[in-house]
C-alpha atoms as a PDB file:
ATOM      1  CA  MET A   1      58.832  48.936 115.307  1.00  0.00           C
ATOM      2  CA  LYS A   2      59.189  50.194 111.753  1.00  0.00           C
ATOM      3  CA  TYR A   3      62.679  51.294 110.698  1.00  0.00           C
ATOM      4  CA  CYS A   4      61.440  54.613 109.269  1.00  0.00           C
ATOM      5  CA  TYR A   5      60.247  55.594 112.768  1.00  0.00           C
ATOM      6  CA  ILE A   6      63.624  54.687 114.256  1.00  0.00           C
ATOM      7  CA  LEU A   7      65.343  56.817 111.613  1.00  0.00           C
ATOM      8  CA  VAL A   8      63.330  59.901 112.575  1.00  0.00           C
ATOM      9  CA  ILE A   9      64.115  59.455 116.284  1.00  0.00           C
ATOM     10  CA  LEU A  10      67.848  59.043 115.703  1.00  0.00           C
ATOM     11  CA  PHE A  11      67.864  61.989 113.330  1.00  0.00           C
ATOM     12  CA  CYS A  12      66.275  64.324 115.870  1.00  0.00           C
ATOM     13  CA  PHE A  13      68.529  63.334 118.754  1.00  0.00           C
ATOM     14  CA  SER A  14      71.742  63.399 116.743  1.00  0.00           C
ATOM     15  CA  CYS A  15      71.244  66.817 115.191  1.00  0.00           C
ATOM     16  CA  GLY A  16      70.185  68.846 118.216  1.00  0.00           C
ATOM     17  CA  LYS A  17      68.226  71.199 115.956  1.00  0.00           C
ATOM     18  CA  GLU A  18      65.815  70.803 113.110  1.00  0.00           C
ATOM     19  CA  LYS A  19      67.419  69.825 109.821  1.00  0.00           C
ATOM     20  CA  THR A  20      66.118  67.971 106.827  1.00  0.00           C
ATOM     21  CA  ILE A  21      67.598  65.703 104.206  1.00  0.00           C
ATOM     22  CA  GLN A  22      66.023  65.069 100.824  1.00  0.00           C
ATOM     23  CA  LEU A  23      66.808  61.423 100.207  1.00  0.00           C
ATOM     24  CA  PRO A  24      67.524  60.247  96.646  1.00  0.00           C
ATOM     25  CA  GLU A  25      64.624  58.444  95.020  1.00  0.00           C
ATOM     26  CA  ILE A  26      64.672  55.046  93.343  1.00  0.00           C
ATOM     27  CA  THR A  27      61.851  53.148  91.682  1.00  0.00           C
ATOM     28  CA  LYS A  28      62.827  49.741  93.046  1.00  0.00           C
ATOM     29  CA  SER A  29      65.099  48.340  95.740  1.00  0.00           C
ATOM     30  CA  ASP A  30      65.864  44.753  96.686  1.00  0.00           C
ATOM     31  CA  ILE A  31      66.809  45.749 100.250  1.00  0.00           C
ATOM     32  CA  HIS A  32      64.195  47.152 102.631  1.00  0.00           C
ATOM     33  CA  ASP A  33      64.875  45.708 106.073  1.00  0.00           C
ATOM     34  CA  ILE A  34      68.225  46.179 107.831  1.00  0.00           C
ATOM     35  CA  LYS A  35      68.795  45.451 111.508  1.00  0.00           C
ATOM     36  CA  ASP A  36      71.506  46.624 113.904  1.00  0.00           C
ATOM     37  CA  VAL A  37      72.177  50.008 112.299  1.00  0.00           C
ATOM     38  CA  SER A  38      73.932  53.322 112.871  1.00  0.00           C
ATOM     39  CA  PRO A  39      73.135  56.448 110.807  1.00  0.00           C
ATOM     40  CA  ALA A  40      75.311  59.149 109.276  1.00  0.00           C
ATOM     41  CA  TYR A  41      73.975  62.287 107.586  1.00  0.00           C
ATOM     42  CA  LEU A  42      75.366  64.494 104.821  1.00  0.00           C
ATOM     43  CA  PHE A  43      73.415  67.759 104.795  1.00  0.00           C
ATOM     44  CA  TYR A  44      72.890  70.220 101.965  1.00  0.00           C
ATOM     45  CA  ASN A  45      72.987  73.928 102.786  1.00  0.00           C
ATOM     46  CA  GLU A  46      71.016  76.085 100.356  1.00  0.00           C
ATOM     47  CA  SER A  47      72.366  79.353 101.769  1.00  0.00           C
ATOM     48  CA  GLU A  48      76.056  78.591 101.290  1.00  0.00           C
ATOM     49  CA  LYS A  49      77.495  77.434  97.990  1.00  0.00           C
ATOM     50  CA  ASP A  50      79.474  74.178  98.184  1.00  0.00           C
ATOM     51  CA  SER A  51      78.617  73.843 101.861  1.00  0.00           C
ATOM     52  CA  ILE A  52      78.303  70.328 103.257  1.00  0.00           C
ATOM     53  CA  GLU A  53      77.950  69.090 106.817  1.00  0.00           C
ATOM     54  CA  LEU A  54      78.675  65.541 107.906  1.00  0.00           C
ATOM     55  CA  ASN A  55      77.100  64.248 111.099  1.00  0.00           C
ATOM     56  CA  ARG A  56      78.479  60.872 112.205  1.00  0.00           C
ATOM     57  CA  LYS A  57      78.259  61.067 115.987  1.00  0.00           C
ATOM     58  CA  ASN A  58      76.086  57.989 116.332  1.00  0.00           C
ATOM     59  CA  LEU A  59      78.169  55.615 114.230  1.00  0.00           C
ATOM     60  CA  ILE A  60      79.126  52.338 115.906  1.00  0.00           C
ATOM     61  CA  SER A  61      81.801  50.345 114.087  1.00  0.00           C
ATOM     62  CA  THR A  62      80.201  46.931 114.659  1.00  0.00           C
ATOM     63  CA  THR A  63      76.837  47.905 113.136  1.00  0.00           C
ATOM     64  CA  ASN A  64      75.544  48.337 109.601  1.00  0.00           C
ATOM     65  CA  TRP A  65      76.000  51.964 108.578  1.00  0.00           C
ATOM     66  CA  LEU A  66      73.148  53.798 106.893  1.00  0.00           C
ATOM     67  CA  VAL A  67      74.529  56.803 105.051  1.00  0.00           C
ATOM     68  CA  ASN A  68      71.841  59.409 104.409  1.00  0.00           C
ATOM     69  CA  VAL A  69      73.024  61.768 101.653  1.00  0.00           C
ATOM     70  CA  ASP A  70      70.995  64.749 100.481  1.00  0.00           C
ATOM     71  CA  LYS A  71      70.171  64.147  96.821  1.00  0.00           C
ATOM     72  CA  ARG A  72      70.989  67.779  95.883  1.00  0.00           C
ATOM     73  CA  LEU A  73      74.674  67.441  96.775  1.00  0.00           C
ATOM     74  CA  THR A  74      77.085  66.976  93.885  1.00  0.00           C
ATOM     75  CA  LEU A  75      79.508  64.082  93.841  1.00  0.00           C
ATOM     76  CA  ARG A  76      82.323  66.600  94.227  1.00  0.00           C
ATOM     77  CA  GLN A  77      80.758  67.619  97.534  1.00  0.00           C
ATOM     78  CA  ALA A  78      79.621  64.243  98.837  1.00  0.00           C
ATOM     79  CA  ILE A  79      82.247  61.701  97.839  1.00  0.00           C
ATOM     80  CA  PRO A  80      85.161  63.049  99.968  1.00  0.00           C
ATOM     81  CA  SER A  81      83.040  62.726 103.122  1.00  0.00           C
ATOM     82  CA  ILE A  82      81.843  59.281 102.067  1.00  0.00           C
ATOM     83  CA  ILE A  83      85.449  58.186 101.549  1.00  0.00           C
ATOM     84  CA  LYS A  84      86.267  59.359 105.082  1.00  0.00           C
ATOM     85  CA  LEU A  85      83.415  57.265 106.435  1.00  0.00           C
ATOM     86  CA  GLN A  86      84.619  54.221 104.515  1.00  0.00           C
ATOM     87  CA  GLU A  87      88.153  54.658 105.785  1.00  0.00           C
ATOM     88  CA  LYS A  88      86.890  54.980 109.338  1.00  0.00           C
ATOM     89  CA  LYS A  89      85.027  51.679 108.982  1.00  0.00           C
ATOM     90  CA  ARG A  90      87.759  49.794 107.124  1.00  0.00           C
ATOM     91  CA  ASP A  91      90.635  50.996 109.289  1.00  0.00           C
ATOM     92  CA  GLY A  92      88.906  50.381 112.603  1.00  0.00           C
ATOM     93  CA  LYS A  93      91.189  48.213 114.751  1.00  0.00           C
ATOM     94  CA  MET A  94      88.873  47.545 117.673  1.00  0.00           C
ATOM     95  CA  HIS A  95      85.302  46.253 117.853  1.00  0.00           C
ATOM     96  CA  LYS A  96      85.255  45.609 114.116  1.00  0.00           C
ATOM     97  CA  SER A  97      82.630  43.368 112.557  1.00  0.00           C
ATOM     98  CA  GLU A  98      83.437  41.516 109.327  1.00  0.00           C
ATOM     99  CA  THR A  99      79.735  41.208 108.517  1.00  0.00           C
ATOM    100  CA  ALA A 100      78.710  44.851 109.036  1.00  0.00           C
ATOM    101  CA  LYS A 101      77.971  46.673 105.767  1.00  0.00           C
ATOM    102  CA  ASN A 102      77.451  50.191 104.441  1.00  0.00           C
ATOM    103  CA  TYR A 103      74.222  51.262 102.735  1.00  0.00           C
ATOM    104  CA  TYR A 104      72.882  54.399 101.087  1.00  0.00           C
ATOM    105  CA  THR A 105      69.395  55.239 102.303  1.00  0.00           C
ATOM    106  CA  CYS A 106      66.887  55.982  99.533  1.00  0.00           C
ATOM    107  CA  ASN A 107      63.207  56.651  99.084  1.00  0.00           C
ATOM    108  CA  ASP A 108      61.734  53.661  97.248  1.00  0.00           C
ATOM    109  CA  THR A 109      58.814  55.217  95.380  1.00  0.00           C
ATOM    110  CA  SER A 110      57.325  51.820  94.460  1.00  0.00           C
ATOM    111  CA  ILE A 111      56.467  51.093  98.107  1.00  0.00           C
ATOM    112  CA  LYS A 112      56.570  54.650  99.486  1.00  0.00           C
ATOM    113  CA  ASN A 113      59.082  53.611 102.107  1.00  0.00           C
ATOM    114  CA  LEU A 114      62.827  53.320 102.562  1.00  0.00           C
ATOM    115  CA  GLY A 115      65.048  51.240 100.321  1.00  0.00           C
ATOM    116  CA  PHE A 116      68.811  50.716 100.549  1.00  0.00           C
ATOM    117  CA  ILE A 117      71.780  50.330  98.204  1.00  0.00           C
ATOM    118  CA  ASP A 118      74.805  48.382  99.428  1.00  0.00           C
ATOM    119  CA  PHE A 119      78.119  50.152  98.750  1.00  0.00           C
ATOM    120  CA  THR A 120      80.314  48.261 101.211  1.00  0.00           C
ATOM    121  CA  ASP A 121      82.855  47.120  98.622  1.00  0.00           C
ATOM    122  CA  VAL A 122      82.890  50.243  96.446  1.00  0.00           C
ATOM    123  CA  ILE A 123      86.259  52.011  96.297  1.00  0.00           C
ATOM    124  CA  TYR A 124      86.105  55.616  95.073  1.00  0.00           C
ATOM    125  CA  HIS A 125      88.950  57.228  93.134  1.00  0.00           C
ATOM    126  CA  HIS A 126      89.461  60.819  92.040  1.00  0.00           C
ATOM    127  CA  GLY A 127      90.282  61.181  88.360  1.00  0.00           C
ATOM    128  CA  ILE A 128      90.485  58.419  85.757  1.00  0.00           C
ATOM    129  CA  ASP A 129      93.068  55.646  85.920  1.00  0.00           C
ATOM    130  CA  LYS A 130      95.063  55.845  82.686  1.00  0.00           C
ATOM    131  CA  ASN A 131      96.079  52.209  83.127  1.00  0.00           C
ATOM    132  CA  ILE A 132      92.524  51.196  82.242  1.00  0.00           C
ATOM    133  CA  VAL A 133      92.736  50.632  78.495  1.00  0.00           C
ATOM    134  CA  GLU A 134      89.424  50.562  76.660  1.00  0.00           C
ATOM    135  CA  HIS A 135      88.824  48.108  73.851  1.00  0.00           C
ATOM    136  CA  HIS A 136      87.246  50.240  71.125  1.00  0.00           C
ATOM    137  CA  SER A 137      86.408  47.182  69.028  1.00  0.00           C
ATOM    138  CA  ILE A 138      83.742  46.210  71.544  1.00  0.00           C
ATOM    139  CA  TYR A 139      81.019  47.298  69.097  1.00  0.00           C
ATOM    140  CA  ASP A 140      82.374  45.109  66.320  1.00  0.00           C
ATOM    141  CA  THR A 141      80.223  41.993  65.781  1.00  0.00           C
ATOM    142  CA  THR A 142      83.087  39.798  64.593  1.00  0.00           C
ATOM    143  CA  SER A 143      84.230  36.944  66.801  1.00  0.00           C
ATOM    144  CA  THR A 144      86.290  37.950  69.828  1.00  0.00           C
ATOM    145  CA  SER A 145      86.610  34.564  71.477  1.00  0.00           C
ATOM    146  CA  GLY A 146      89.408  34.489  74.017  1.00  0.00           C
ATOM    147  CA  LEU A 147      89.663  38.244  74.447  1.00  0.00           C
ATOM    148  CA  ASN A 148      89.092  39.857  77.813  1.00  0.00           C
ATOM    149  CA  HIS A 149      87.523  43.268  77.269  1.00  0.00           C
ATOM    150  CA  THR A 150      87.726  46.320  79.462  1.00  0.00           C
ATOM    151  CA  ILE A 151      84.682  48.558  79.280  1.00  0.00           C
ATOM    152  CA  SER A 152      84.540  52.161  80.452  1.00  0.00           C
ATOM    153  CA  LEU A 153      81.081  53.484  81.201  1.00  0.00           C
ATOM    154  CA  LEU A 154      81.237  57.274  81.536  1.00  0.00           C
ATOM    155  CA  PHE A 155      78.315  59.167  83.035  1.00  0.00           C
ATOM    156  CA  LYS A 156      78.478  62.815  82.070  1.00  0.00           C
ATOM    157  CA  GLU A 157      76.291  65.854  82.588  1.00  0.00           C
ATOM    158  CA  ASN A 158      72.937  66.361  80.847  1.00  0.00           C
ATOM    159  CA  ASP A 159      72.186  62.609  80.748  1.00  0.00           C
ATOM    160  CA  SER A 160      75.064  62.020  78.336  1.00  0.00           C
ATOM    161  CA  ILE A 161      76.746  58.620  78.586  1.00  0.00           C
ATOM    162  CA  SER A 162      79.516  56.926  76.654  1.00  0.00           C
ATOM    163  CA  ILE A 163      80.514  53.282  76.424  1.00  0.00           C
ATOM    164  CA  ASN A 164      84.172  53.081  75.429  1.00  0.00           C
ATOM    165  CA  SER A 165      83.947  56.565  73.894  1.00  0.00           C
ATOM    166  CA  GLU A 166      80.808  55.697  71.900  1.00  0.00           C
ATOM    167  CA  LEU A 167      78.038  58.129  72.842  1.00  0.00           C
ATOM    168  CA  THR A 168      74.676  56.889  74.056  1.00  0.00           C
ATOM    169  CA  THR A 169      71.948  58.205  76.349  1.00  0.00           C
ATOM    170  CA  LYS A 170      70.362  57.523  79.698  1.00  0.00           C
ATOM    171  CA  SER A 171      67.368  55.872  78.042  1.00  0.00           C
ATOM    172  CA  HIS A 172      69.454  53.596  75.826  1.00  0.00           C
ATOM    173  CA  PHE A 173      72.661  52.593  77.638  1.00  0.00           C
ATOM    174  CA  LEU A 174      71.148  49.570  79.420  1.00  0.00           C
ATOM    175  CA  GLU A 175      69.690  48.327  76.152  1.00  0.00           C
ATOM    176  CA  ARG A 176      73.106  48.725  74.528  1.00  0.00           C
ATOM    177  CA  LEU A 177      74.839  46.760  77.289  1.00  0.00           C
ATOM    178  CA  ARG A 178      72.265  43.992  77.074  1.00  0.00           C
ATOM    179  CA  PHE A 179      72.760  43.769  73.304  1.00  0.00           C
ATOM    180  CA  MET A 180      76.517  43.569  73.723  1.00  0.00           C
ATOM    181  CA  ASP A 181      76.065  40.850  76.323  1.00  0.00           C
ATOM    182  CA  SER A 182      73.756  38.887  74.042  1.00  0.00           C
ATOM    183  CA  VAL A 183      76.561  38.447  71.499  1.00  0.00           C
ATOM    184  CA  GLN A 184      78.734  35.651  72.832  1.00  0.00           C
ATOM    185  CA  ASN A 185      82.038  36.889  74.280  1.00  0.00           C
ATOM    186  CA  LYS A 186      81.348  40.474  73.186  1.00  0.00           C
ATOM    187  CA  ILE A 187      81.282  41.893  76.698  1.00  0.00           C
ATOM    188  CA  MET A 188      83.700  39.550  78.439  1.00  0.00           C
ATOM    189  CA  GLY A 189      85.648  41.371  81.105  1.00  0.00           C
ATOM    190  CA  ILE A 190      85.236  44.215  83.568  1.00  0.00           C
ATOM    191  CA  ILE A 191      83.035  47.302  83.429  1.00  0.00           C
ATOM    192  CA  TYR A 192      84.482  50.383  85.107  1.00  0.00           C
ATOM    193  CA  LEU A 193      82.051  53.109  86.169  1.00  0.00           C
ATOM    194  CA  LYS A 194      83.163  56.717  85.835  1.00  0.00           C
ATOM    195  CA  PHE A 195      81.037  59.637  87.020  1.00  0.00           C
ATOM    196  CA  ASN A 196      81.359  63.364  86.367  1.00  0.00           C
ATOM    197  CA  GLU A 197      81.850  65.151  89.683  1.00  0.00           C
ATOM    198  CA  ASN A 198      79.123  67.685  88.835  1.00  0.00           C
ATOM    199  CA  LEU A 199      76.417  65.032  88.798  1.00  0.00           C
ATOM    200  CA  THR A 200      74.079  65.215  91.758  1.00  0.00           C
ATOM    201  CA  PHE A 201      73.846  62.397  94.242  1.00  0.00           C
ATOM    202  CA  GLN A 202      70.365  61.761  92.862  1.00  0.00           C
ATOM    203  CA  ASP A 203      71.908  61.232  89.404  1.00  0.00           C
ATOM    204  CA  TYR A 204      74.451  58.836  90.873  1.00  0.00           C
ATOM    205  CA  ILE A 205      71.881  56.771  92.760  1.00  0.00           C
ATOM    206  CA  THR A 206      69.618  56.647  89.709  1.00  0.00           C
ATOM    207  CA  TYR A 207      72.397  55.174  87.570  1.00  0.00           C
ATOM    208  CA  LYS A 208      73.446  52.744  90.292  1.00  0.00           C
ATOM    209  CA  SER A 209      69.861  51.576  90.659  1.00  0.00           C
ATOM    210  CA  MET A 210      69.501  51.119  86.900  1.00  0.00           C
ATOM    211  CA  LEU A 211      72.715  49.109  86.723  1.00  0.00           C
ATOM    212  CA  SER A 212      71.541  46.829  89.522  1.00  0.00           C
ATOM    213  CA  GLU A 213      68.843  45.573  87.143  1.00  0.00           C
ATOM    214  CA  LEU A 214      71.427  44.215  84.707  1.00  0.00           C
ATOM    215  CA  LYS A 215      71.964  40.460  84.669  1.00  0.00           C
ATOM    216  CA  LEU A 216      75.091  40.135  82.540  1.00  0.00           C
ATOM    217  CA  LYS A 217      76.603  36.780  81.606  1.00  0.00           C
ATOM    218  CA  HIS A 218      79.969  37.883  80.268  1.00  0.00           C
ATOM    219  CA  ALA A 219      81.029  40.809  82.432  1.00  0.00           C
ATOM    220  CA  THR A 220      81.223  42.060  85.993  1.00  0.00           C
ATOM    221  CA  ILE A 221      81.054  45.617  87.299  1.00  0.00           C
ATOM    222  CA  ALA A 222      84.238  46.610  89.093  1.00  0.00           C
ATOM    223  CA  ASP A 223      84.167  47.741  92.722  1.00  0.00           C
ATOM    224  CA  ASP A 224      86.478  50.624  91.754  1.00  0.00           C
ATOM    225  CA  GLU A 225      84.545  53.731  90.730  1.00  0.00           C
ATOM    226  CA  TYR A 226      86.054  56.928  89.344  1.00  0.00           C
ATOM    227  CA  ILE A 227      84.956  60.528  89.914  1.00  0.00           C
ATOM    228  CA  PHE A 228      86.291  62.843  87.205  1.00  0.00           C
ATOM    229  CA  ASN A 229      86.031  66.546  86.368  1.00  0.00           C
END
């Protein structure tokens, strides 16, 4: 039985009345088949501003959780409910599975079917940690051997992005990161992702999907993500 059919059945029984979710779209996903699942739904309400409804009645702690978030919700709306789901999974004392993961459900346009993004280890924070000190010399091409850089990648509104306070754009930031990585030791360290709370969930998933394509040699993307206003 195809998973997409199972998703429709669970959706209908869990809601009790007809509701729809517009899933975020991605152009490519490496994950398409997940077994032993439970769904949760975050609904968008067009008639009420800032309204959000979380349905998690069918969640089973020992299964993989598929979190279906309407792409029109802002991060300010969606992230608090997502954090609650994560806490419920992480703090579960009984019937807990160490192998069960959390995934965002997406529409993979390349295959016209569902794709998934793993966010099991992501830890969301409100605001920006002032203890994270950016190294502004990251764009300098002089030797930085032995230094461990901290990189802040800020995703703002209107497709505006900055890398350690240096402005770039949605169409160029991956190219910039790859260039930095191509210069030995230039991007050594940790990349922290920071997202404006007014971005839609579609924006967020788009950036996460783009970043998943990076194959960096000198840096890792931190599990801690920051939602700022």
